[in-house]
Amino acid sequence: MKKLAVCIAVLIFACYAFSQDQPSAPKPAPMLLVQEIPLPNVGGRIDHFTFDGKRKRVIGAALGNNTVEVVDTFAGKDIHSIIGAANPQGLVYVGEFDRLFVANGTDGKLRIYDGDSFSLLNTVDIGEDADNVRYDPAGKRVYVAFGGDEEGSIAVIDAASGKRLEDVAKLDAHPESFQIATSKPVIYANIATKAKVVVIDRNTHKVTNWPLKSGKANYPMALDEADRRLFVVTRKPAQLVVLDSDSGATVASVPCVSDADDLYFDTGRKRIYIPGGEGFISVIEQTDPDHYQSIAKIPTTVGARTGLWYEKRDRLYLAVPASSKQGAALWVYAPQD
């Protein structure tokens, strides 16, 4: 009986030791590539995107191609190219007026198209290097960033009439990505060449400067308004910087993919997605408003640094520029819980 007890004890110990030696099952990736949509006639750099929710279309600025590409996400194909653009950079589709607003960097114009036929309806002079575009549904205003090395601004367009209104403020350089707050009348904007964020009061036009304590070349930006957090990515070094959106104080910083040009916040999963030209998507988790951790670097391809996060469809669309190895495409990712 004693020998039996000893044998059982040895067996239990051996099984435990064996289980400890076995590698644990790998965690599923937080994002999976589920579709590749070819962009057969697109060459060169691809910039920013917008979404036509009614028609289920992703619309992108093919900057290096001087076209705007319209992709049917249900059919999974590029269905139309809007020609005549001049280095299109930023764009926004406004469903309530069925209008597509496209900022063009070469001639500094905002081209306004019909959302169905894509016929050109109006052209508005904006200024040097017209770039990022946003829409404020409450005020029914379209905002367009523009400027150069020593001065810049954000133009305001009446979305219904297409007329240009008074600019929000004078800035000391070209604004890159910017976000419009809904809980208060302010705009947050990256001034990448000055390594700072500016806060613009839309009512008084007052500009407040928030110099970054570390990092420069801050291009992408996203806003978590519920938790009063502003997300900024710098390229030098490659990092996510989290700011308090009330005070500008630095809350956290996390290393991320290099050469980033877009940044998205998944409000449901509390995750931040950062595509970078290095060839990865950084996935950073918000544990709480003050704490963040990198949970994955999803391999993509070199040069893929822009796209669109469409939360209603729970999909991330990544722009893949043409190269010697592959044609241009729109890669579609599905987040995993």
C-alpha atoms as a PDB file:
ATOM      1  CA  MET A   1       0.000   0.000   0.000  1.00  0.00           C
ATOM      2  CA  LYS A   2       2.857   2.314   0.859  1.00  0.00           C
ATOM      3  CA  LYS A   3       4.504   1.582  -2.478  1.00  0.00           C
ATOM      4  CA  LEU A   4       1.230   2.398  -4.270  1.00  0.00           C
ATOM      5  CA  ALA A   5       0.953   5.751  -2.502  1.00  0.00           C
ATOM      6  CA  VAL A   6       4.526   6.584  -3.445  1.00  0.00           C
ATOM      7  CA  CYS A   7       3.860   5.674  -7.101  1.00  0.00           C
ATOM      8  CA  ILE A   8       0.738   7.844  -7.201  1.00  0.00           C
ATOM      9  CA  ALA A   9       2.628  10.767  -5.679  1.00  0.00           C
ATOM     10  CA  VAL A  10       5.430  10.398  -8.241  1.00  0.00           C
ATOM     11  CA  LEU A  11       2.896  10.231 -11.062  1.00  0.00           C
ATOM     12  CA  ILE A  12       1.088  13.377  -9.881  1.00  0.00           C
ATOM     13  CA  PHE A  13       4.379  15.245  -9.578  1.00  0.00           C
ATOM     14  CA  ALA A  14       5.454  14.122 -13.054  1.00  0.00           C
ATOM     15  CA  CYS A  15       2.167  15.241 -14.613  1.00  0.00           C
ATOM     16  CA  TYR A  16       2.443  18.628 -12.902  1.00  0.00           C
ATOM     17  CA  ALA A  17       6.040  19.065 -14.018  1.00  0.00           C
ATOM     18  CA  PHE A  18       5.116  18.124 -17.584  1.00  0.00           C
ATOM     19  CA  SER A  19       2.257  20.629 -17.632  1.00  0.00           C
ATOM     20  CA  GLN A  20       4.612  23.362 -16.454  1.00  0.00           C
ATOM     21  CA  ASP A  21       7.042  22.581 -19.264  1.00  0.00           C
ATOM     22  CA  GLN A  22       4.403  22.880 -21.993  1.00  0.00           C
ATOM     23  CA  PRO A  23       4.073  26.264 -23.669  1.00  0.00           C
ATOM     24  CA  SER A  24       0.772  27.990 -23.024  1.00  0.00           C
ATOM     25  CA  ALA A  25      -1.590  28.387 -25.971  1.00  0.00           C
ATOM     26  CA  PRO A  26      -0.800  31.582 -27.877  1.00  0.00           C
ATOM     27  CA  LYS A  27      -3.232  34.442 -27.414  1.00  0.00           C
ATOM     28  CA  PRO A  28      -5.311  35.216 -30.505  1.00  0.00           C
ATOM     29  CA  ALA A  29      -4.214  38.291 -32.428  1.00  0.00           C
ATOM     30  CA  PRO A  30      -6.326  41.348 -31.573  1.00  0.00           C
ATOM     31  CA  MET A  31      -6.887  41.981 -35.287  1.00  0.00           C
ATOM     32  CA  LEU A  32      -7.241  39.660 -38.295  1.00  0.00           C
ATOM     33  CA  LEU A  33      -6.908  40.388 -42.014  1.00  0.00           C
ATOM     34  CA  VAL A  34     -10.245  39.273 -43.508  1.00  0.00           C
ATOM     35  CA  GLN A  35     -10.260  40.791 -47.008  1.00  0.00           C
ATOM     36  CA  GLU A  36      -8.000  42.349 -49.646  1.00  0.00           C
ATOM     37  CA  ILE A  37      -9.651  44.696 -52.140  1.00  0.00           C
ATOM     38  CA  PRO A  38      -7.458  45.482 -55.189  1.00  0.00           C
ATOM     39  CA  LEU A  39      -7.030  49.091 -56.339  1.00  0.00           C
ATOM     40  CA  PRO A  40      -5.836  48.170 -59.835  1.00  0.00           C
ATOM     41  CA  ASN A  41      -5.388  51.636 -61.318  1.00  0.00           C
ATOM     42  CA  VAL A  42      -3.746  53.316 -58.342  1.00  0.00           C
ATOM     43  CA  GLY A  43      -0.069  54.188 -58.133  1.00  0.00           C
ATOM     44  CA  GLY A  44       1.914  56.258 -55.669  1.00  0.00           C
ATOM     45  CA  ARG A  45       1.108  57.387 -52.165  1.00  0.00           C
ATOM     46  CA  ILE A  46      -2.387  56.995 -50.707  1.00  0.00           C
ATOM     47  CA  ASP A  47      -3.533  59.512 -48.106  1.00  0.00           C
ATOM     48  CA  HIS A  48      -6.681  59.789 -45.986  1.00  0.00           C
ATOM     49  CA  PHE A  49     -10.169  58.212 -46.196  1.00  0.00           C
ATOM     50  CA  THR A  50     -13.827  58.784 -45.447  1.00  0.00           C
ATOM     51  CA  PHE A  51     -16.944  56.568 -45.414  1.00  0.00           C
ATOM     52  CA  ASP A  52     -20.331  56.821 -47.126  1.00  0.00           C
ATOM     53  CA  GLY A  53     -22.436  54.843 -44.660  1.00  0.00           C
ATOM     54  CA  LYS A  54     -25.594  54.925 -46.785  1.00  0.00           C
ATOM     55  CA  ARG A  55     -23.945  53.289 -49.788  1.00  0.00           C
ATOM     56  CA  LYS A  56     -21.355  51.287 -47.785  1.00  0.00           C
ATOM     57  CA  ARG A  57     -18.465  52.907 -49.614  1.00  0.00           C
ATOM     58  CA  VAL A  58     -14.930  53.680 -48.478  1.00  0.00           C
ATOM     59  CA  ILE A  59     -13.576  56.714 -50.327  1.00  0.00           C
ATOM     60  CA  GLY A  60      -9.847  57.438 -50.369  1.00  0.00           C
ATOM     61  CA  ALA A  61      -7.486  60.167 -51.519  1.00  0.00           C
ATOM     62  CA  ALA A  62      -4.994  58.567 -53.925  1.00  0.00           C
ATOM     63  CA  LEU A  63      -2.564  61.462 -53.604  1.00  0.00           C
ATOM     64  CA  GLY A  64       0.168  60.072 -55.863  1.00  0.00           C
ATOM     65  CA  ASN A  65      -2.393  59.115 -58.493  1.00  0.00           C
ATOM     66  CA  ASN A  66      -4.256  62.453 -58.532  1.00  0.00           C
ATOM     67  CA  THR A  67      -7.536  60.585 -58.136  1.00  0.00           C
ATOM     68  CA  VAL A  68     -10.151  59.879 -55.489  1.00  0.00           C
ATOM     69  CA  GLU A  69     -11.023  56.172 -55.309  1.00  0.00           C
ATOM     70  CA  VAL A  70     -14.484  54.883 -54.438  1.00  0.00           C
ATOM     71  CA  VAL A  71     -14.621  51.334 -53.035  1.00  0.00           C
ATOM     72  CA  ASP A  72     -17.822  49.324 -52.610  1.00  0.00           C
ATOM     73  CA  THR A  73     -17.140  47.415 -49.396  1.00  0.00           C
ATOM     74  CA  PHE A  74     -19.970  44.898 -49.975  1.00  0.00           C
ATOM     75  CA  ALA A  75     -18.927  44.088 -53.547  1.00  0.00           C
ATOM     76  CA  GLY A  76     -15.277  44.218 -52.495  1.00  0.00           C
ATOM     77  CA  LYS A  77     -14.058  46.245 -55.456  1.00  0.00           C
ATOM     78  CA  ASP A  78     -12.945  49.682 -56.583  1.00  0.00           C
ATOM     79  CA  ILE A  79     -15.966  50.966 -58.515  1.00  0.00           C
ATOM     80  CA  HIS A  80     -15.017  54.522 -59.515  1.00  0.00           C
ATOM     81  CA  SER A  81     -12.088  56.915 -59.874  1.00  0.00           C
ATOM     82  CA  ILE A  82     -12.707  60.651 -59.612  1.00  0.00           C
ATOM     83  CA  ILE A  83     -10.164  62.274 -61.901  1.00  0.00           C
ATOM     84  CA  GLY A  84      -8.989  65.875 -61.992  1.00  0.00           C
ATOM     85  CA  ALA A  85      -7.745  66.083 -58.424  1.00  0.00           C
ATOM     86  CA  ALA A  86      -4.404  67.750 -57.607  1.00  0.00           C
ATOM     87  CA  ASN A  87      -2.639  65.747 -54.905  1.00  0.00           C
ATOM     88  CA  PRO A  88      -5.809  65.025 -52.898  1.00  0.00           C
ATOM     89  CA  GLN A  89      -4.987  64.641 -49.209  1.00  0.00           C
ATOM     90  CA  GLY A  90      -7.955  64.910 -46.854  1.00  0.00           C
ATOM     91  CA  LEU A  91     -11.635  64.353 -47.522  1.00  0.00           C
ATOM     92  CA  VAL A  92     -14.968  63.937 -45.810  1.00  0.00           C
ATOM     93  CA  TYR A  93     -18.338  62.673 -46.987  1.00  0.00           C
ATOM     94  CA  VAL A  94     -21.334  64.528 -45.517  1.00  0.00           C
ATOM     95  CA  GLY A  95     -24.409  62.333 -45.746  1.00  0.00           C
ATOM     96  CA  GLU A  96     -27.077  64.888 -44.852  1.00  0.00           C
ATOM     97  CA  PHE A  97     -26.167  66.929 -47.940  1.00  0.00           C
ATOM     98  CA  ASP A  98     -24.850  63.994 -49.995  1.00  0.00           C
ATOM     99  CA  ARG A  99     -21.632  65.877 -50.686  1.00  0.00           C
ATOM    100  CA  LEU A 100     -18.001  64.814 -50.839  1.00  0.00           C
ATOM    101  CA  PHE A 101     -15.420  67.457 -49.825  1.00  0.00           C
ATOM    102  CA  VAL A 102     -11.839  66.869 -51.029  1.00  0.00           C
ATOM    103  CA  ALA A 103      -8.818  69.004 -50.095  1.00  0.00           C
ATOM    104  CA  ASN A 104      -6.060  69.222 -52.707  1.00  0.00           C
ATOM    105  CA  GLY A 105      -2.481  69.975 -51.721  1.00  0.00           C
ATOM    106  CA  THR A 106      -1.058  71.143 -55.045  1.00  0.00           C
ATOM    107  CA  ASP A 107      -3.487  73.937 -55.908  1.00  0.00           C
ATOM    108  CA  GLY A 108      -4.863  74.536 -52.399  1.00  0.00           C
ATOM    109  CA  LYS A 109      -8.473  74.049 -53.447  1.00  0.00           C
ATOM    110  CA  LEU A 110     -11.395  72.246 -51.852  1.00  0.00           C
ATOM    111  CA  ARG A 111     -13.377  70.379 -54.503  1.00  0.00           C
ATOM    112  CA  ILE A 112     -16.995  69.563 -53.696  1.00  0.00           C
ATOM    113  CA  TYR A 113     -18.625  66.617 -55.483  1.00  0.00           C
ATOM    114  CA  ASP A 114     -22.103  65.151 -55.641  1.00  0.00           C
ATOM    115  CA  GLY A 115     -22.088  62.034 -53.444  1.00  0.00           C
ATOM    116  CA  ASP A 116     -23.946  59.903 -55.988  1.00  0.00           C
ATOM    117  CA  SER A 117     -22.773  60.958 -59.446  1.00  0.00           C
ATOM    118  CA  PHE A 118     -19.396  62.381 -58.295  1.00  0.00           C
ATOM    119  CA  SER A 119     -19.891  65.355 -60.589  1.00  0.00           C
ATOM    120  CA  LEU A 120     -17.942  68.450 -59.533  1.00  0.00           C
ATOM    121  CA  LEU A 121     -20.327  70.976 -57.969  1.00  0.00           C
ATOM    122  CA  ASN A 122     -18.034  73.670 -56.600  1.00  0.00           C
ATOM    123  CA  THR A 123     -14.416  74.627 -56.032  1.00  0.00           C
ATOM    124  CA  VAL A 124     -13.331  76.725 -53.049  1.00  0.00           C
ATOM    125  CA  ASP A 125      -9.922  78.388 -52.673  1.00  0.00           C
ATOM    126  CA  ILE A 126      -8.419  77.333 -49.320  1.00  0.00           C
ATOM    127  CA  GLY A 127      -4.678  77.993 -49.331  1.00  0.00           C
ATOM    128  CA  GLU A 128      -1.267  76.384 -49.369  1.00  0.00           C
ATOM    129  CA  ASP A 129      -1.149  72.610 -48.867  1.00  0.00           C
ATOM    130  CA  ALA A 130      -4.859  72.065 -48.129  1.00  0.00           C
ATOM    131  CA  ASP A 131      -4.811  68.873 -46.104  1.00  0.00           C
ATOM    132  CA  ASN A 132      -6.913  67.263 -43.355  1.00  0.00           C
ATOM    133  CA  VAL A 133     -10.696  67.698 -43.476  1.00  0.00           C
ATOM    134  CA  ARG A 134     -13.297  67.258 -40.706  1.00  0.00           C
ATOM    135  CA  TYR A 135     -17.045  67.754 -40.402  1.00  0.00           C
ATOM    136  CA  ASP A 136     -18.971  69.178 -37.455  1.00  0.00           C
ATOM    137  CA  PRO A 137     -22.566  67.902 -37.753  1.00  0.00           C
ATOM    138  CA  ALA A 138     -23.830  70.197 -34.992  1.00  0.00           C
ATOM    139  CA  GLY A 139     -22.725  73.367 -36.761  1.00  0.00           C
ATOM    140  CA  LYS A 140     -22.962  71.878 -40.270  1.00  0.00           C
ATOM    141  CA  ARG A 141     -19.456  73.113 -40.974  1.00  0.00           C
ATOM    142  CA  VAL A 142     -16.550  71.560 -42.877  1.00  0.00           C
ATOM    143  CA  TYR A 143     -13.068  72.343 -41.548  1.00  0.00           C
ATOM    144  CA  VAL A 144      -9.920  72.235 -43.717  1.00  0.00           C
ATOM    145  CA  ALA A 145      -6.329  72.518 -42.445  1.00  0.00           C
ATOM    146  CA  PHE A 146      -3.834  74.417 -44.603  1.00  0.00           C
ATOM    147  CA  GLY A 147      -0.626  76.441 -44.426  1.00  0.00           C
ATOM    148  CA  GLY A 148       3.157  76.362 -44.705  1.00  0.00           C
ATOM    149  CA  ASP A 149       6.236  76.428 -42.508  1.00  0.00           C
ATOM    150  CA  GLU A 150       5.589  79.816 -40.923  1.00  0.00           C
ATOM    151  CA  GLU A 151       1.827  80.266 -40.983  1.00  0.00           C
ATOM    152  CA  GLY A 152      -1.359  78.277 -41.281  1.00  0.00           C
ATOM    153  CA  SER A 153      -4.992  78.031 -40.290  1.00  0.00           C
ATOM    154  CA  ILE A 154      -8.133  75.936 -40.440  1.00  0.00           C
ATOM    155  CA  ALA A 155     -10.685  77.137 -42.980  1.00  0.00           C
ATOM    156  CA  VAL A 156     -14.415  76.885 -42.293  1.00  0.00           C
ATOM    157  CA  ILE A 157     -16.924  76.011 -45.020  1.00  0.00           C
ATOM    158  CA  ASP A 158     -20.702  76.085 -44.765  1.00  0.00           C
ATOM    159  CA  ALA A 159     -21.584  72.513 -45.740  1.00  0.00           C
ATOM    160  CA  ALA A 160     -24.990  73.445 -47.191  1.00  0.00           C
ATOM    161  CA  SER A 161     -23.938  76.347 -49.407  1.00  0.00           C
ATOM    162  CA  GLY A 162     -20.281  75.534 -49.972  1.00  0.00           C
ATOM    163  CA  LYS A 163     -19.304  79.082 -49.036  1.00  0.00           C
ATOM    164  CA  ARG A 164     -16.160  79.852 -47.090  1.00  0.00           C
ATOM    165  CA  LEU A 165     -16.654  81.523 -43.721  1.00  0.00           C
ATOM    166  CA  GLU A 166     -14.185  83.101 -41.304  1.00  0.00           C
ATOM    167  CA  ASP A 167     -11.158  80.921 -40.456  1.00  0.00           C
ATOM    168  CA  VAL A 168     -11.019  79.589 -36.896  1.00  0.00           C
ATOM    169  CA  ALA A 169      -7.676  81.218 -36.059  1.00  0.00           C
ATOM    170  CA  LYS A 170      -4.258  82.223 -37.327  1.00  0.00           C
ATOM    171  CA  LEU A 171      -1.549  79.656 -36.557  1.00  0.00           C
ATOM    172  CA  ASP A 172       2.243  79.801 -36.778  1.00  0.00           C
ATOM    173  CA  ALA A 173       2.592  76.757 -39.084  1.00  0.00           C
ATOM    174  CA  HIS A 174       0.658  74.174 -41.049  1.00  0.00           C
ATOM    175  CA  PRO A 175      -1.729  72.126 -38.849  1.00  0.00           C
ATOM    176  CA  GLU A 176      -1.693  68.371 -39.385  1.00  0.00           C
ATOM    177  CA  SER A 177      -4.352  66.080 -37.912  1.00  0.00           C
ATOM    178  CA  PHE A 178      -6.972  67.869 -35.817  1.00  0.00           C
ATOM    179  CA  GLN A 179     -10.019  66.859 -33.789  1.00  0.00           C
ATOM    180  CA  ILE A 180     -13.224  68.774 -33.078  1.00  0.00           C
ATOM    181  CA  ALA A 181     -14.553  68.441 -29.544  1.00  0.00           C
ATOM    182  CA  THR A 182     -18.311  68.058 -29.088  1.00  0.00           C
ATOM    183  CA  SER A 183     -18.550  68.869 -25.385  1.00  0.00           C
ATOM    184  CA  LYS A 184     -16.945  72.291 -25.725  1.00  0.00           C
ATOM    185  CA  PRO A 185     -16.217  74.704 -28.595  1.00  0.00           C
ATOM    186  CA  VAL A 186     -12.565  73.786 -29.162  1.00  0.00           C
ATOM    187  CA  ILE A 187     -10.394  72.201 -31.834  1.00  0.00           C
ATOM    188  CA  TYR A 188      -7.195  70.324 -30.999  1.00  0.00           C
ATOM    189  CA  ALA A 189      -4.553  70.409 -33.739  1.00  0.00           C
ATOM    190  CA  ASN A 190      -1.062  69.007 -34.209  1.00  0.00           C
ATOM    191  CA  ILE A 191       1.633  71.468 -35.295  1.00  0.00           C
ATOM    192  CA  ALA A 192       4.206  68.876 -36.306  1.00  0.00           C
ATOM    193  CA  THR A 193       7.011  71.260 -37.283  1.00  0.00           C
ATOM    194  CA  LYS A 194       6.796  73.004 -33.892  1.00  0.00           C
ATOM    195  CA  ALA A 195       6.373  69.839 -31.753  1.00  0.00           C
ATOM    196  CA  LYS A 196       3.232  71.121 -30.105  1.00  0.00           C
ATOM    197  CA  VAL A 197      -0.521  70.809 -29.916  1.00  0.00           C
ATOM    198  CA  VAL A 198      -2.689  73.907 -30.204  1.00  0.00           C
ATOM    199  CA  VAL A 199      -6.129  74.313 -28.680  1.00  0.00           C
ATOM    200  CA  ILE A 200      -8.356  76.674 -30.647  1.00  0.00           C
ATOM    201  CA  ASP A 201     -11.466  78.230 -29.150  1.00  0.00           C
ATOM    202  CA  ARG A 202     -13.962  78.333 -32.022  1.00  0.00           C
ATOM    203  CA  ASN A 203     -15.919  81.193 -30.425  1.00  0.00           C
ATOM    204  CA  THR A 204     -13.142  83.561 -29.395  1.00  0.00           C
ATOM    205  CA  HIS A 205     -10.447  82.330 -31.868  1.00  0.00           C
ATOM    206  CA  LYS A 206      -7.992  82.203 -28.969  1.00  0.00           C
ATOM    207  CA  VAL A 207      -5.070  79.788 -29.479  1.00  0.00           C
ATOM    208  CA  THR A 208      -3.404  77.977 -26.559  1.00  0.00           C
ATOM    209  CA  ASN A 209      -0.080  76.220 -27.106  1.00  0.00           C
ATOM    210  CA  TRP A 210       0.765  72.868 -25.506  1.00  0.00           C
ATOM    211  CA  PRO A 211       4.430  72.094 -26.257  1.00  0.00           C
ATOM    212  CA  LEU A 212       5.173  68.366 -26.147  1.00  0.00           C
ATOM    213  CA  LYS A 213       7.505  67.435 -23.307  1.00  0.00           C
ATOM    214  CA  SER A 214       9.073  64.642 -25.361  1.00  0.00           C
ATOM    215  CA  GLY A 215       8.980  63.820 -29.029  1.00  0.00           C
ATOM    216  CA  LYS A 216       8.417  65.779 -32.226  1.00  0.00           C
ATOM    217  CA  ALA A 217       6.945  65.322 -35.701  1.00  0.00           C
ATOM    218  CA  ASN A 218       3.479  64.758 -34.215  1.00  0.00           C
ATOM    219  CA  TYR A 219       1.197  64.000 -37.157  1.00  0.00           C
ATOM    220  CA  PRO A 220      -1.749  61.711 -36.187  1.00  0.00           C
ATOM    221  CA  MET A 221      -4.273  62.533 -33.476  1.00  0.00           C
ATOM    222  CA  ALA A 222      -7.425  61.022 -31.929  1.00  0.00           C
ATOM    223  CA  LEU A 223      -9.711  62.125 -29.109  1.00  0.00           C
ATOM    224  CA  ASP A 224     -11.269  60.126 -26.264  1.00  0.00           C
ATOM    225  CA  GLU A 225     -13.660  62.797 -25.144  1.00  0.00           C
ATOM    226  CA  ALA A 226     -15.464  60.637 -22.558  1.00  0.00           C
ATOM    227  CA  ASP A 227     -12.244  60.146 -20.565  1.00  0.00           C
ATOM    228  CA  ARG A 228     -10.802  63.578 -21.414  1.00  0.00           C
ATOM    229  CA  ARG A 229      -7.781  62.126 -23.181  1.00  0.00           C
ATOM    230  CA  LEU A 230      -6.042  63.317 -26.342  1.00  0.00           C
ATOM    231  CA  PHE A 231      -3.921  60.805 -28.259  1.00  0.00           C
ATOM    232  CA  VAL A 232      -0.958  62.033 -30.312  1.00  0.00           C
ATOM    233  CA  VAL A 233       1.699  59.999 -32.105  1.00  0.00           C
ATOM    234  CA  THR A 234       5.194  61.378 -32.654  1.00  0.00           C
ATOM    235  CA  ARG A 235       7.628  60.007 -35.221  1.00  0.00           C
ATOM    236  CA  LYS A 236      10.773  61.100 -33.360  1.00  0.00           C
ATOM    237  CA  PRO A 237      10.750  58.936 -31.342  1.00  0.00           C
ATOM    238  CA  ALA A 238       7.960  56.633 -32.505  1.00  0.00           C
ATOM    239  CA  GLN A 239       5.545  56.792 -29.574  1.00  0.00           C
ATOM    240  CA  LEU A 240       1.973  57.315 -28.502  1.00  0.00           C
ATOM    241  CA  VAL A 241       1.654  60.323 -26.211  1.00  0.00           C
ATOM    242  CA  VAL A 242      -1.478  60.630 -24.080  1.00  0.00           C
ATOM    243  CA  LEU A 243      -2.460  64.123 -22.951  1.00  0.00           C
ATOM    244  CA  ASP A 244      -5.109  65.370 -20.554  1.00  0.00           C
ATOM    245  CA  SER A 245      -7.502  67.157 -22.918  1.00  0.00           C
ATOM    246  CA  ASP A 246      -8.355  69.771 -20.267  1.00  0.00           C
ATOM    247  CA  SER A 247      -4.866  70.773 -19.153  1.00  0.00           C
ATOM    248  CA  GLY A 248      -2.453  69.423 -21.780  1.00  0.00           C
ATOM    249  CA  ALA A 249      -0.522  67.509 -19.109  1.00  0.00           C
ATOM    250  CA  THR A 250       1.255  64.376 -20.282  1.00  0.00           C
ATOM    251  CA  VAL A 251      -0.474  61.311 -18.841  1.00  0.00           C
ATOM    252  CA  ALA A 252       1.459  58.449 -20.475  1.00  0.00           C
ATOM    253  CA  SER A 253       3.659  57.471 -23.404  1.00  0.00           C
ATOM    254  CA  VAL A 254       4.074  54.092 -25.115  1.00  0.00           C
ATOM    255  CA  PRO A 255       6.512  53.117 -27.912  1.00  0.00           C
ATOM    256  CA  CYS A 256       4.774  52.290 -31.196  1.00  0.00           C
ATOM    257  CA  VAL A 257       5.279  51.655 -34.906  1.00  0.00           C
ATOM    258  CA  SER A 258       7.370  54.204 -36.807  1.00  0.00           C
ATOM    259  CA  ASP A 259       6.253  56.484 -39.666  1.00  0.00           C
ATOM    260  CA  ALA A 260       2.647  56.744 -38.467  1.00  0.00           C
ATOM    261  CA  ASP A 261       0.179  59.002 -40.264  1.00  0.00           C
ATOM    262  CA  ASP A 262      -3.172  57.874 -38.853  1.00  0.00           C
ATOM    263  CA  LEU A 263      -4.500  56.961 -35.417  1.00  0.00           C
ATOM    264  CA  TYR A 264      -7.838  55.472 -34.344  1.00  0.00           C
ATOM    265  CA  PHE A 265      -9.555  54.869 -31.012  1.00  0.00           C
ATOM    266  CA  ASP A 266     -11.822  51.827 -30.681  1.00  0.00           C
ATOM    267  CA  THR A 267     -14.174  53.113 -27.979  1.00  0.00           C
ATOM    268  CA  GLY A 268     -15.846  49.751 -27.364  1.00  0.00           C
ATOM    269  CA  ARG A 269     -12.657  47.758 -26.772  1.00  0.00           C
ATOM    270  CA  LYS A 270     -10.630  50.679 -25.399  1.00  0.00           C
ATOM    271  CA  ARG A 271      -7.901  50.051 -27.939  1.00  0.00           C
ATOM    272  CA  ILE A 272      -5.771  52.380 -30.024  1.00  0.00           C
ATOM    273  CA  TYR A 273      -4.803  51.327 -33.569  1.00  0.00           C
ATOM    274  CA  ILE A 274      -1.761  52.952 -35.181  1.00  0.00           C
ATOM    275  CA  PRO A 275      -0.767  51.966 -38.736  1.00  0.00           C
ATOM    276  CA  GLY A 276       2.803  52.829 -39.645  1.00  0.00           C
ATOM    277  CA  GLY A 277       4.927  52.875 -42.768  1.00  0.00           C
ATOM    278  CA  GLU A 278       7.383  50.591 -40.976  1.00  0.00           C
ATOM    279  CA  GLY A 279       4.998  47.754 -41.868  1.00  0.00           C
ATOM    280  CA  PHE A 280       2.917  47.149 -38.749  1.00  0.00           C
ATOM    281  CA  ILE A 281      -0.234  48.199 -36.931  1.00  0.00           C
ATOM    282  CA  SER A 282       0.471  48.936 -33.280  1.00  0.00           C
ATOM    283  CA  VAL A 283      -2.379  47.900 -30.986  1.00  0.00           C
ATOM    284  CA  ILE A 284      -2.318  49.640 -27.605  1.00  0.00           C
ATOM    285  CA  GLU A 285      -4.817  48.913 -24.862  1.00  0.00           C
ATOM    286  CA  GLN A 286      -6.232  51.518 -22.525  1.00  0.00           C
ATOM    287  CA  THR A 287      -6.366  49.812 -19.118  1.00  0.00           C
ATOM    288  CA  ASP A 288      -7.857  52.962 -17.665  1.00  0.00           C
ATOM    289  CA  PRO A 289      -7.554  56.640 -18.679  1.00  0.00           C
ATOM    290  CA  ASP A 290      -4.105  56.874 -17.064  1.00  0.00           C
ATOM    291  CA  HIS A 291      -2.557  53.538 -18.059  1.00  0.00           C
ATOM    292  CA  TYR A 292      -1.761  52.036 -21.477  1.00  0.00           C
ATOM    293  CA  GLN A 293       0.080  48.974 -22.723  1.00  0.00           C
ATOM    294  CA  SER A 294       1.149  47.655 -26.113  1.00  0.00           C
ATOM    295  CA  ILE A 295      -0.552  44.313 -26.786  1.00  0.00           C
ATOM    296  CA  ALA A 296       0.427  43.592 -30.409  1.00  0.00           C
ATOM    297  CA  LYS A 297       2.248  44.669 -33.567  1.00  0.00           C
ATOM    298  CA  ILE A 298       0.241  43.312 -36.486  1.00  0.00           C
ATOM    299  CA  PRO A 299       2.451  42.770 -39.581  1.00  0.00           C
ATOM    300  CA  THR A 300       1.249  44.644 -42.694  1.00  0.00           C
ATOM    301  CA  THR A 301       3.521  45.934 -45.452  1.00  0.00           C
ATOM    302  CA  VAL A 302       6.029  48.766 -45.819  1.00  0.00           C
ATOM    303  CA  GLY A 303       4.421  52.107 -46.598  1.00  0.00           C
ATOM    304  CA  ALA A 304       0.919  51.264 -45.345  1.00  0.00           C
ATOM    305  CA  ARG A 305       0.311  54.105 -42.897  1.00  0.00           C
ATOM    306  CA  THR A 306      -3.167  55.505 -43.607  1.00  0.00           C
ATOM    307  CA  GLY A 307      -6.682  54.152 -43.688  1.00  0.00           C
ATOM    308  CA  LEU A 308     -10.001  54.331 -41.901  1.00  0.00           C
ATOM    309  CA  TRP A 309     -11.487  52.916 -38.702  1.00  0.00           C
ATOM    310  CA  TYR A 310     -15.246  52.574 -39.183  1.00  0.00           C
ATOM    311  CA  GLU A 311     -16.656  51.672 -35.806  1.00  0.00           C
ATOM    312  CA  LYS A 312     -20.222  51.015 -36.966  1.00  0.00           C
ATOM    313  CA  ARG A 313     -18.979  48.188 -39.192  1.00  0.00           C
ATOM    314  CA  ASP A 314     -16.254  47.155 -36.740  1.00  0.00           C
ATOM    315  CA  ARG A 315     -13.630  47.204 -39.469  1.00  0.00           C
ATOM    316  CA  LEU A 316     -10.248  48.820 -40.039  1.00  0.00           C
ATOM    317  CA  TYR A 317      -9.437  49.655 -43.659  1.00  0.00           C
ATOM    318  CA  LEU A 318      -5.708  49.951 -44.414  1.00  0.00           C
ATOM    319  CA  ALA A 319      -4.356  51.616 -47.553  1.00  0.00           C
ATOM    320  CA  VAL A 320      -1.586  49.532 -49.139  1.00  0.00           C
ATOM    321  CA  PRO A 321       0.366  51.456 -51.810  1.00  0.00           C
ATOM    322  CA  ALA A 322       1.583  49.720 -54.960  1.00  0.00           C
ATOM    323  CA  SER A 323       5.128  48.338 -54.892  1.00  0.00           C
ATOM    324  CA  SER A 324       7.352  46.050 -56.941  1.00  0.00           C
ATOM    325  CA  LYS A 325       5.917  43.113 -54.983  1.00  0.00           C
ATOM    326  CA  GLN A 326       2.200  43.906 -55.080  1.00  0.00           C
ATOM    327  CA  GLY A 327      -0.444  46.187 -56.496  1.00  0.00           C
ATOM    328  CA  ALA A 328      -2.256  48.830 -54.493  1.00  0.00           C
ATOM    329  CA  ALA A 329      -5.042  47.499 -52.324  1.00  0.00           C
ATOM    330  CA  LEU A 330      -7.345  48.165 -49.422  1.00  0.00           C
ATOM    331  CA  TRP A 331      -6.778  45.588 -46.685  1.00  0.00           C
ATOM    332  CA  VAL A 332      -9.685  44.997 -44.324  1.00  0.00           C
ATOM    333  CA  TYR A 333      -9.086  43.992 -40.695  1.00  0.00           C
ATOM    334  CA  ALA A 334     -11.572  42.662 -38.158  1.00  0.00           C
ATOM    335  CA  PRO A 335     -10.786  43.307 -34.469  1.00  0.00           C
ATOM    336  CA  GLN A 336     -10.930  40.274 -32.167  1.00  0.00           C
ATOM    337  CA  ASP A 337     -12.131  40.340 -28.556  1.00  0.00           C
END
